[in-house]
Amino acid sequence: MLRVAVVGSGPSGCYTAQSLVQQDPDVLVDVLDRLPCPYGLVRYGVAPDHEKIKSLQTTLRTILEHERVRFLGGVGIGPGGVPAARLRELYHAVVYCVGAATDRHLGIPGEELPGSWSATEFVSWYSAHPDSAADGFVAGARSAVVIGVGNVAVDVARMLARGASELSPTDIPHPALTALAASRVAEVHMVGRRGPSQARFTTKELRELGSLPDTEVTVRAKELARDPACLDPSALAAPQRRNVEVLRGWAAAEPRQSAHRISLRFFLRPVELLADKGRVGAVRFERTVPDGRGGVRGTGEFEDIEAQLVLRSVGYRGMPVEGLPFDPESGTVPHADGRVLHAGSAVPGEYVAGWIKRGPTGVIGTNRPDAKETVGSLLEDAPTLVHKDLREDPLVALRAAGVEPVEWAGWCAIERAEAELGQSLGRGVVKLPDWRSLMNAVNGQVR
């Protein structure tokens, strides 16, 4: 019988487990996660007002409740946790589905000023990630700049414009709800260094901005005109063409009075964050123009946009995994069809799937075929892998080493505690926001 450890319980990890049990009737899968809660970015990356996407948790739940799949939360792998070498001793194969855990920096002066954050930090705060130690994002802010034009940038811009009445029915943690309800942010500028036709948001996400109550979305016709593809979008791929059509509609709309305004700006490259009384007060941008090769070049013209809150949303990066090779350029683990490559040679028993395999690209559904490819390689290797003699149940071995995994019953206790918290606040389910409250729920201290 093949025993496999899947490290990471987000979509890529769950789809890997699903593919394994579907293709091999005898395999046993342990899905390990550093956090006591499953679902990865579906729980901690999808905005709370995106109920349809968050409902994917129901599908992932079915996978983790499979009779041959076991969830073991609260188990870190590597420094401070279970050594990777020990994990390989306990299983026939290990599949790393650890995602891309850090964000990219702008690398410009003033980036470390108070009031300057990564979008990842902001998302972690309003998603109740237990590692989130930051708060005070919106305190004292009147204007915000979001640097980036992908779906995460759209998410954070939308959350800044949402009212308390719209967020209260969601599972947003109560401290974040209270802070956003008191927010005085009225202007949100979402800024990209390239043109509208090169923006990475999807049309569905983009259109949501236009449906926000008491919010005006503005686009500058002059900035659209600088993008040759906007003048004649017929040659664009369908998703980009739809984006341009939406943006052109907003550019042609008459101004109106609203409580919030979201401005979509293009062809502006951040060059410096300017200080005001010791914190961010504005962002200086250089105007760019297309360089004819798919990129942009600076013009030497500058524009300052006032902002007491700056959120950079310019991409994620994978981090090195203990015991595995790592390509710092791509932020991924070198592999061949999911098999980890050490010095160019595949090592049976070590595999990758998800963002640590391919980089932070695609949508949630992209993880299905990605996981299937990796599982295909693993099962091809299985006749060799099963010869390793495994003498003990990994869970027993982990406990003997002082590790106390959060099993599925513990996660169900967290769910009950979050339902009870929401009821006490007159809301629906409300996420527990920190490690202490999560572990108290697991240990039965929250009723």
Protein backbone atom coordinates (compact mmCIF):
# COMPACT_ATOMS: atom_id res chain seq x y z
CA MET A 1 0.00 0.00 0.00
CA LEU A 2 1.38 3.37 -1.08
CA ARG A 3 1.59 6.11 1.56
CA VAL A 4 1.87 9.67 0.24
CA ALA A 5 2.31 12.96 2.10
CA VAL A 6 0.89 16.04 0.39
CA VAL A 7 2.34 19.21 1.93
CA GLY A 8 -0.23 21.99 1.61
CA SER A 9 -4.03 21.83 1.79
CA GLY A 10 -4.89 24.53 -0.73
CA PRO A 11 -6.43 23.73 -4.12
CA SER A 12 -3.25 22.19 -5.55
CA GLY A 13 -2.80 19.96 -2.50
CA CYS A 14 -6.44 18.90 -2.42
CA TYR A 15 -6.54 18.20 -6.16
CA THR A 16 -3.36 16.16 -5.81
CA ALA A 17 -4.97 14.08 -3.06
CA GLN A 18 -8.12 13.68 -5.13
CA SER A 19 -6.21 12.53 -8.20
CA LEU A 20 -4.24 10.02 -6.12
CA VAL A 21 -7.27 8.33 -4.54
CA GLN A 22 -9.15 8.33 -7.85
CA GLN A 23 -6.32 6.67 -9.77
CA ASP A 24 -5.01 4.24 -7.12
CA PRO A 25 -7.57 2.27 -5.08
CA ASP A 26 -5.03 1.41 -2.37
CA VAL A 27 -3.13 4.68 -1.80
CA LEU A 28 -3.33 6.40 1.59
CA VAL A 29 -2.84 10.18 1.57
CA ASP A 30 -1.98 12.48 4.46
CA VAL A 31 -2.53 16.16 3.62
CA LEU A 32 -0.28 18.20 5.92
CA ASP A 33 -0.57 21.92 6.51
CA ARG A 34 1.33 24.37 8.69
CA LEU A 35 -1.96 25.99 9.65
CA PRO A 36 -4.70 24.31 11.68
CA CYS A 37 -7.23 25.23 8.97
CA PRO A 38 -7.42 23.71 5.48
CA TYR A 39 -8.10 25.20 2.03
CA GLY A 40 -5.08 27.52 1.67
CA LEU A 41 -5.76 30.59 -0.47
CA VAL A 42 -9.44 29.71 -0.82
CA ARG A 43 -9.77 30.49 2.90
CA TYR A 44 -7.01 33.07 3.22
CA GLY A 45 -6.76 34.68 -0.20
CA VAL A 46 -10.26 34.94 -1.64
CA ALA A 47 -11.98 38.18 -0.59
CA PRO A 48 -14.80 37.66 1.93
CA ASP A 49 -17.39 39.17 -0.41
CA HIS A 50 -16.65 36.55 -3.08
CA GLU A 51 -19.01 33.94 -1.73
CA LYS A 52 -19.25 31.99 -4.99
CA ILE A 53 -15.50 31.39 -5.18
CA LYS A 54 -15.30 30.69 -1.44
CA SER A 55 -17.98 28.01 -1.90
CA LEU A 56 -15.22 25.94 -3.53
CA GLN A 57 -14.42 24.96 0.05
CA THR A 58 -17.34 22.52 -0.22
CA THR A 59 -15.55 20.67 -3.03
CA LEU A 60 -12.24 20.68 -1.20
CA ARG A 61 -14.00 19.47 1.95
CA THR A 62 -15.32 16.42 0.11
CA ILE A 63 -11.76 15.54 -0.90
CA LEU A 64 -10.37 15.90 2.63
CA GLU A 65 -13.20 13.79 4.06
CA HIS A 66 -12.40 10.88 1.74
CA GLU A 67 -11.88 7.65 3.68
CA ARG A 68 -8.31 7.31 2.41
CA VAL A 69 -7.36 10.96 2.94
CA ARG A 70 -6.33 12.33 6.32
CA PHE A 71 -5.94 16.04 7.17
CA LEU A 72 -3.10 16.85 9.57
CA GLY A 73 -3.03 20.56 10.33
CA GLY A 74 -0.58 22.50 12.47
CA VAL A 75 2.36 20.52 11.06
CA GLY A 76 5.21 22.69 9.79
CA ILE A 77 7.82 21.14 7.52
CA GLY A 78 11.41 22.34 7.64
CA PRO A 79 13.07 24.70 10.13
CA GLY A 80 11.12 24.78 13.38
CA GLY A 81 8.95 21.86 12.30
CA VAL A 82 9.29 18.32 11.02
CA PRO A 83 12.56 17.97 9.09
CA ALA A 84 12.01 17.24 5.41
CA ALA A 85 14.33 14.25 5.67
CA ARG A 86 12.15 12.78 8.44
CA LEU A 87 9.05 13.27 6.30
CA ARG A 88 10.65 11.27 3.51
CA GLU A 89 11.33 8.46 5.99
CA LEU A 90 7.68 8.29 6.99
CA TYR A 91 6.17 8.13 3.49
CA HIS A 92 6.81 6.44 0.19
CA ALA A 93 6.43 9.78 -1.58
CA VAL A 94 6.08 13.45 -0.69
CA VAL A 95 4.35 16.01 -2.92
CA TYR A 96 5.06 19.65 -2.07
CA CYS A 97 2.13 21.97 -2.84
CA VAL A 98 3.30 24.94 -0.81
CA GLY A 99 2.35 27.80 -3.13
CA ALA A 100 4.14 31.13 -3.36
CA ALA A 101 4.37 32.49 0.15
CA THR A 102 5.88 35.93 -0.29
CA ASP A 103 5.27 39.02 -2.39
CA ARG A 104 7.44 41.01 -4.76
CA HIS A 105 8.83 44.41 -3.79
CA LEU A 106 8.95 47.58 -5.86
CA GLY A 107 12.56 48.36 -5.01
CA ILE A 108 12.04 52.13 -4.87
CA PRO A 109 12.89 54.79 -2.25
CA GLY A 110 10.34 55.17 0.52
CA GLU A 111 8.89 51.72 0.13
CA GLU A 112 9.42 50.98 3.83
CA LEU A 113 7.62 54.10 5.07
CA PRO A 114 4.74 53.59 7.52
CA GLY A 115 1.55 53.33 5.52
CA SER A 116 3.24 51.29 2.77
CA TRP A 117 2.20 47.64 2.74
CA SER A 118 2.00 44.68 0.46
CA ALA A 119 -1.45 43.72 -0.75
CA THR A 120 -0.67 40.29 0.74
CA GLU A 121 -0.52 41.82 4.21
CA PHE A 122 -3.81 43.60 3.68
CA VAL A 123 -5.49 40.45 2.35
CA SER A 124 -4.14 38.41 5.28
CA TRP A 125 -5.61 40.95 7.71
CA TYR A 126 -9.12 40.97 6.28
CA SER A 127 -8.99 37.19 5.73
CA ALA A 128 -8.03 36.46 9.38
CA HIS A 129 -4.76 34.69 8.55
CA PRO A 130 -3.35 33.69 11.96
CA ASP A 131 0.13 34.94 11.04
CA SER A 132 -1.18 38.44 10.33
CA ALA A 133 0.25 40.81 12.92
CA ALA A 134 -0.43 44.04 11.03
CA ASP A 135 -3.37 46.37 11.47
CA GLY A 136 -4.08 50.09 11.23
CA PHE A 137 -4.09 49.95 7.44
CA VAL A 138 -6.87 52.50 6.97
CA ALA A 139 -6.35 54.55 10.14
CA GLY A 140 -6.04 58.21 9.21
CA ALA A 141 -6.07 57.49 5.46
CA ARG A 142 -8.19 59.51 3.04
CA SER A 143 -6.65 58.37 -0.22
CA ALA A 144 -5.15 55.00 -1.17
CA VAL A 145 -2.95 53.90 -4.05
CA VAL A 146 -2.96 50.28 -5.17
CA ILE A 147 0.05 49.55 -7.37
CA GLY A 148 -0.81 46.78 -9.81
CA VAL A 149 -3.65 45.88 -12.16
CA GLY A 150 -4.34 42.21 -11.49
CA ASN A 151 -7.22 40.51 -9.70
CA VAL A 152 -5.65 40.94 -6.26
CA ALA A 153 -5.39 44.68 -6.89
CA VAL A 154 -9.05 44.73 -7.89
CA ASP A 155 -9.94 42.80 -4.72
CA VAL A 156 -8.21 45.20 -2.35
CA ALA A 157 -9.57 48.26 -4.16
CA ARG A 158 -13.08 46.82 -3.90
CA MET A 159 -12.67 46.00 -0.20
CA LEU A 160 -11.57 49.58 0.50
CA ALA A 161 -14.78 50.86 -1.11
CA ARG A 162 -17.16 48.37 0.52
CA GLY A 163 -19.48 49.58 3.27
CA ALA A 164 -20.04 47.88 6.62
CA SER A 165 -23.55 46.79 5.63
CA GLU A 166 -22.12 44.90 2.64
CA LEU A 167 -19.28 43.25 4.57
CA SER A 168 -21.16 42.36 7.75
CA PRO A 169 -22.89 39.29 6.20
CA THR A 170 -19.48 37.86 5.19
CA ASP A 171 -17.00 35.93 7.35
CA ILE A 172 -14.60 38.89 7.63
CA PRO A 173 -13.07 38.99 11.14
CA HIS A 174 -14.77 41.50 13.41
CA PRO A 175 -11.71 43.74 14.04
CA ALA A 176 -11.25 44.20 10.28
CA LEU A 177 -14.96 44.88 9.80
CA THR A 178 -14.90 47.49 12.54
CA ALA A 179 -11.83 49.21 11.06
CA LEU A 180 -13.21 49.27 7.52
CA ALA A 181 -16.55 50.55 8.78
CA ALA A 182 -14.74 53.51 10.36
CA SER A 183 -12.50 54.09 7.32
CA ARG A 184 -12.39 57.58 5.77
CA VAL A 185 -10.77 56.38 2.54
CA ALA A 186 -12.79 58.00 -0.23
CA GLU A 187 -10.30 57.85 -3.14
CA VAL A 188 -8.70 54.65 -4.38
CA HIS A 189 -6.24 54.83 -7.29
CA MET A 190 -5.36 51.52 -8.97
CA VAL A 191 -2.27 52.12 -11.09
CA GLY A 192 -0.45 50.09 -13.76
CA ARG A 193 2.85 50.84 -15.48
CA ARG A 194 1.64 49.44 -18.79
CA GLY A 195 -1.51 49.88 -20.86
CA PRO A 196 -5.08 48.68 -20.35
CA SER A 197 -4.77 45.88 -22.90
CA GLN A 198 -1.92 44.38 -20.84
CA ALA A 199 -3.71 44.46 -17.48
CA ARG A 200 -4.06 41.09 -15.80
CA PHE A 201 -7.47 41.42 -14.17
CA THR A 202 -10.34 39.35 -15.50
CA THR A 203 -13.42 41.06 -16.91
CA LYS A 204 -15.71 39.59 -14.27
CA GLU A 205 -13.58 41.05 -11.48
CA LEU A 206 -13.27 44.37 -13.30
CA ARG A 207 -17.02 44.75 -13.81
CA GLU A 208 -17.64 44.20 -10.10
CA LEU A 209 -16.05 47.59 -9.42
CA GLY A 210 -18.81 49.22 -11.44
CA SER A 211 -21.53 47.53 -9.40
CA LEU A 212 -20.36 48.79 -5.99
CA PRO A 213 -22.97 50.93 -4.25
CA ASP A 214 -22.27 54.67 -4.05
CA THR A 215 -18.97 54.25 -5.93
CA GLU A 216 -17.84 55.96 -9.12
CA VAL A 217 -15.23 54.29 -11.34
CA THR A 218 -13.20 56.62 -13.53
CA VAL A 219 -10.79 56.00 -16.41
CA ARG A 220 -8.91 58.67 -18.35
CA ALA A 221 -9.61 58.56 -22.09
CA LYS A 222 -6.13 60.02 -22.78
CA GLU A 223 -4.50 57.04 -21.07
CA LEU A 224 -6.57 54.58 -23.08
CA ALA A 225 -5.55 56.40 -26.25
CA ARG A 226 -1.86 55.82 -25.50
CA ASP A 227 -2.43 52.07 -25.88
CA PRO A 228 -2.52 51.22 -29.61
CA ALA A 229 -4.58 48.10 -28.87
CA CYS A 230 -7.30 50.24 -27.27
CA LEU A 231 -7.77 52.28 -30.45
CA ASP A 232 -8.57 49.08 -32.35
CA PRO A 233 -9.16 46.18 -29.93
CA SER A 234 -10.32 43.78 -32.65
CA ALA A 235 -6.94 42.01 -32.72
CA LEU A 236 -6.91 41.39 -28.96
CA ALA A 237 -7.76 38.06 -27.38
CA ALA A 238 -11.35 37.94 -26.15
CA PRO A 239 -10.59 38.51 -22.42
CA GLN A 240 -8.45 41.59 -23.11
CA ARG A 241 -10.96 42.90 -25.65
CA ARG A 242 -13.76 42.67 -23.08
CA ASN A 243 -11.59 44.49 -20.53
CA VAL A 244 -10.97 47.32 -22.98
CA GLU A 245 -14.68 47.59 -23.75
CA VAL A 246 -15.49 47.97 -20.06
CA LEU A 247 -12.77 50.58 -19.57
CA ARG A 248 -13.88 52.57 -22.60
CA GLY A 249 -17.41 52.62 -21.23
CA TRP A 250 -16.21 54.09 -17.94
CA ALA A 251 -14.02 56.63 -19.74
CA ALA A 252 -17.05 57.89 -21.66
CA ALA A 253 -19.37 58.06 -18.63
CA GLU A 254 -20.53 61.37 -17.15
CA PRO A 255 -19.06 62.27 -13.71
CA ARG A 256 -21.33 61.76 -10.71
CA GLN A 257 -21.25 62.36 -6.98
CA SER A 258 -20.43 59.28 -4.89
CA ALA A 259 -19.05 58.47 -1.46
CA HIS A 260 -16.15 56.57 -3.04
CA ARG A 261 -14.22 56.96 -6.24
CA ILE A 262 -12.00 54.30 -7.78
CA SER A 263 -9.65 55.67 -10.45
CA LEU A 264 -7.98 53.24 -12.84
CA ARG A 265 -4.73 54.73 -14.08
CA PHE A 266 -2.34 53.40 -16.74
CA PHE A 267 1.16 54.12 -18.10
CA LEU A 268 2.47 55.24 -14.71
CA ARG A 269 5.56 53.65 -13.16
CA PRO A 270 6.18 54.18 -9.41
CA VAL A 271 9.59 55.71 -8.74
CA GLU A 272 9.34 56.92 -5.13
CA LEU A 273 7.08 57.00 -2.09
CA LEU A 274 7.08 60.51 -0.65
CA ALA A 275 6.99 61.11 3.09
CA ASP A 276 4.68 63.42 4.99
CA LYS A 277 5.26 63.76 8.74
CA GLY A 278 7.15 60.49 8.88
CA ARG A 279 4.78 58.33 6.87
CA VAL A 280 3.56 57.94 3.29
CA GLY A 281 1.95 61.06 1.92
CA ALA A 282 2.10 60.52 -1.84
CA VAL A 283 3.47 58.29 -4.60
CA ARG A 284 5.59 59.76 -7.37
CA PHE A 285 5.05 58.14 -10.75
CA GLU A 286 6.88 58.52 -14.04
CA ARG A 287 4.73 58.62 -17.13
CA THR A 288 5.50 55.74 -19.51
CA VAL A 289 4.73 55.05 -23.16
CA PRO A 290 4.77 51.82 -25.20
CA ASP A 291 8.25 50.93 -26.41
CA GLY A 292 7.00 48.98 -29.44
CA ARG A 293 8.27 45.67 -28.07
CA GLY A 294 5.50 44.89 -25.60
CA GLY A 295 7.06 46.89 -22.77
CA VAL A 296 7.20 50.54 -21.77
CA ARG A 297 9.83 53.26 -21.45
CA GLY A 298 9.94 56.29 -19.22
CA THR A 299 9.26 59.77 -20.54
CA GLY A 300 10.85 61.88 -17.81
CA GLU A 301 7.44 63.34 -16.91
CA PHE A 302 6.27 62.82 -13.34
CA GLU A 303 3.00 62.92 -11.43
CA ASP A 304 2.42 62.73 -7.67
CA ILE A 305 -0.72 61.06 -6.36
CA GLU A 306 -1.69 61.73 -2.74
CA ALA A 307 -1.96 58.62 -0.60
CA GLN A 308 -1.76 57.86 3.10
CA LEU A 309 -2.13 54.15 2.28
CA VAL A 310 -0.10 52.36 -0.41
CA LEU A 311 -0.67 48.71 -1.26
CA ARG A 312 1.70 47.04 -3.71
CA SER A 313 0.19 44.19 -5.71
CA VAL A 314 2.91 43.28 -8.18
CA GLY A 315 3.01 39.51 -7.85
CA TYR A 316 3.94 36.60 -5.59
CA ARG A 317 7.14 34.60 -5.24
CA GLY A 318 7.83 31.07 -4.11
CA MET A 319 10.24 30.46 -1.25
CA PRO A 320 12.94 27.76 -0.96
CA VAL A 321 11.80 24.46 0.52
CA GLU A 322 14.16 22.66 2.88
CA GLY A 323 15.97 19.84 1.12
CA LEU A 324 14.77 20.77 -2.38
CA PRO A 325 16.59 22.58 -5.17
CA PHE A 326 15.31 26.07 -5.93
CA ASP A 327 15.43 28.40 -8.92
CA PRO A 328 15.62 31.94 -7.49
CA GLU A 329 14.80 33.52 -10.85
CA SER A 330 11.43 31.83 -11.24
CA GLY A 331 10.80 31.16 -7.55
CA THR A 332 10.06 27.51 -8.32
CA VAL A 333 11.48 24.05 -7.69
CA PRO A 334 13.11 22.54 -10.82
CA HIS A 335 11.12 19.53 -11.98
CA ALA A 336 10.29 17.25 -14.89
CA ASP A 337 6.55 16.56 -15.10
CA GLY A 338 6.35 17.17 -11.35
CA ARG A 339 9.37 15.04 -10.40
CA VAL A 340 11.87 17.13 -8.42
CA LEU A 341 15.20 17.48 -10.21
CA HIS A 342 18.39 17.43 -8.14
CA ALA A 343 21.30 18.60 -10.32
CA GLY A 344 19.20 17.79 -13.37
CA SER A 345 18.26 14.27 -12.28
CA ALA A 346 14.83 13.18 -11.07
CA VAL A 347 14.65 11.73 -7.58
CA PRO A 348 11.76 9.25 -7.23
CA GLY A 349 9.74 10.03 -4.13
CA GLU A 350 9.89 13.85 -4.31
CA TYR A 351 7.34 15.80 -6.32
CA VAL A 352 5.85 19.30 -6.67
CA ALA A 353 2.49 20.67 -7.77
CA GLY A 354 0.86 24.10 -7.87
CA TRP A 355 2.64 27.45 -7.75
CA ILE A 356 5.90 26.06 -6.35
CA LYS A 357 5.98 23.93 -9.51
CA ARG A 358 4.88 26.37 -12.22
CA GLY A 359 5.02 29.82 -10.60
CA PRO A 360 2.09 32.03 -9.51
CA THR A 361 0.06 31.74 -12.70
CA GLY A 362 -3.40 30.63 -13.69
CA VAL A 363 -6.66 30.44 -11.77
CA ILE A 364 -7.81 27.95 -9.13
CA GLY A 365 -8.96 25.48 -11.79
CA THR A 366 -5.48 25.46 -13.36
CA ASN A 367 -4.37 23.35 -10.40
CA ARG A 368 -6.43 20.34 -11.52
CA PRO A 369 -4.46 19.38 -14.67
CA ASP A 370 -1.25 20.48 -12.95
CA ALA A 371 -1.89 18.07 -10.07
CA LYS A 372 -2.94 15.32 -12.45
CA GLU A 373 0.38 15.54 -14.30
CA THR A 374 2.35 15.25 -11.06
CA VAL A 375 0.25 12.33 -9.83
CA GLY A 376 0.79 10.58 -13.15
CA SER A 377 4.55 10.76 -12.62
CA LEU A 378 4.24 9.60 -9.01
CA LEU A 379 2.13 6.57 -9.90
CA GLU A 380 4.56 5.65 -12.68
CA ASP A 381 7.24 5.52 -9.98
CA ALA A 382 5.03 3.69 -7.48
CA PRO A 383 6.27 0.12 -8.23
CA THR A 384 9.74 1.24 -7.11
CA LEU A 385 8.58 3.47 -4.27
CA VAL A 386 6.51 0.82 -2.46
CA HIS A 387 9.61 -1.31 -1.83
CA LYS A 388 10.55 1.08 0.98
CA ASP A 389 9.61 -0.52 4.26
CA LEU A 390 7.42 1.79 6.35
CA ARG A 391 7.18 0.36 9.85
CA GLU A 392 4.92 2.89 11.55
CA ASP A 393 1.87 5.05 11.02
CA PRO A 394 3.20 8.58 10.34
CA LEU A 395 0.66 10.06 12.77
CA VAL A 396 1.95 7.86 15.58
CA ALA A 397 5.53 8.79 14.70
CA LEU A 398 4.71 12.52 14.66
CA ARG A 399 3.07 12.33 18.06
CA ALA A 400 6.02 10.39 19.46
CA ALA A 401 8.23 13.28 18.29
CA GLY A 402 6.10 15.79 20.19
CA VAL A 403 4.05 17.01 17.23
CA GLU A 404 0.30 17.21 17.87
CA PRO A 405 -1.43 17.51 14.50
CA VAL A 406 -4.86 19.09 14.25
CA GLU A 407 -6.99 16.33 12.78
CA TRP A 408 -10.28 16.76 10.96
CA ALA A 409 -12.26 16.78 14.20
CA GLY A 410 -10.14 19.72 15.36
CA TRP A 411 -10.93 21.66 12.20
CA CYS A 412 -14.65 20.92 12.71
CA ALA A 413 -14.31 22.36 16.23
CA ILE A 414 -12.90 25.56 14.69
CA GLU A 415 -15.86 25.73 12.33
CA ARG A 416 -18.30 25.41 15.23
CA ALA A 417 -16.48 28.10 17.20
CA GLU A 418 -16.62 30.48 14.21
CA ALA A 419 -20.35 29.86 13.84
CA GLU A 420 -20.86 30.54 17.55
CA LEU A 421 -18.78 33.73 17.37
CA GLY A 422 -20.85 35.00 14.46
CA GLN A 423 -24.08 34.24 16.29
CA SER A 424 -22.87 36.16 19.34
CA LEU A 425 -22.14 39.18 17.11
CA GLY A 426 -25.42 39.03 15.26
CA ARG A 427 -23.68 37.93 12.07
CA GLY A 428 -23.18 34.71 10.14
CA VAL A 429 -19.96 32.70 10.41
CA VAL A 430 -17.08 34.96 11.55
CA LYS A 431 -13.47 33.85 11.26
CA LEU A 432 -11.29 33.47 14.32
CA PRO A 433 -8.42 35.91 13.72
CA ASP A 434 -5.39 34.47 15.55
CA TRP A 435 -3.50 31.35 16.56
CA ARG A 436 -4.64 31.48 20.18
CA SER A 437 -8.35 31.53 19.40
CA LEU A 438 -7.97 28.82 16.77
CA MET A 439 -6.10 26.47 19.09
CA ASN A 440 -8.47 27.24 21.95
CA ALA A 441 -11.28 26.06 19.69
CA VAL A 442 -9.36 22.89 18.78
CA ASN A 443 -8.76 22.16 22.46
CA GLY A 444 -12.38 22.73 23.41
CA GLN A 445 -11.91 26.01 25.27
CA VAL A 446 -14.40 27.84 23.08
CA ARG A 447 -17.99 26.70 23.22
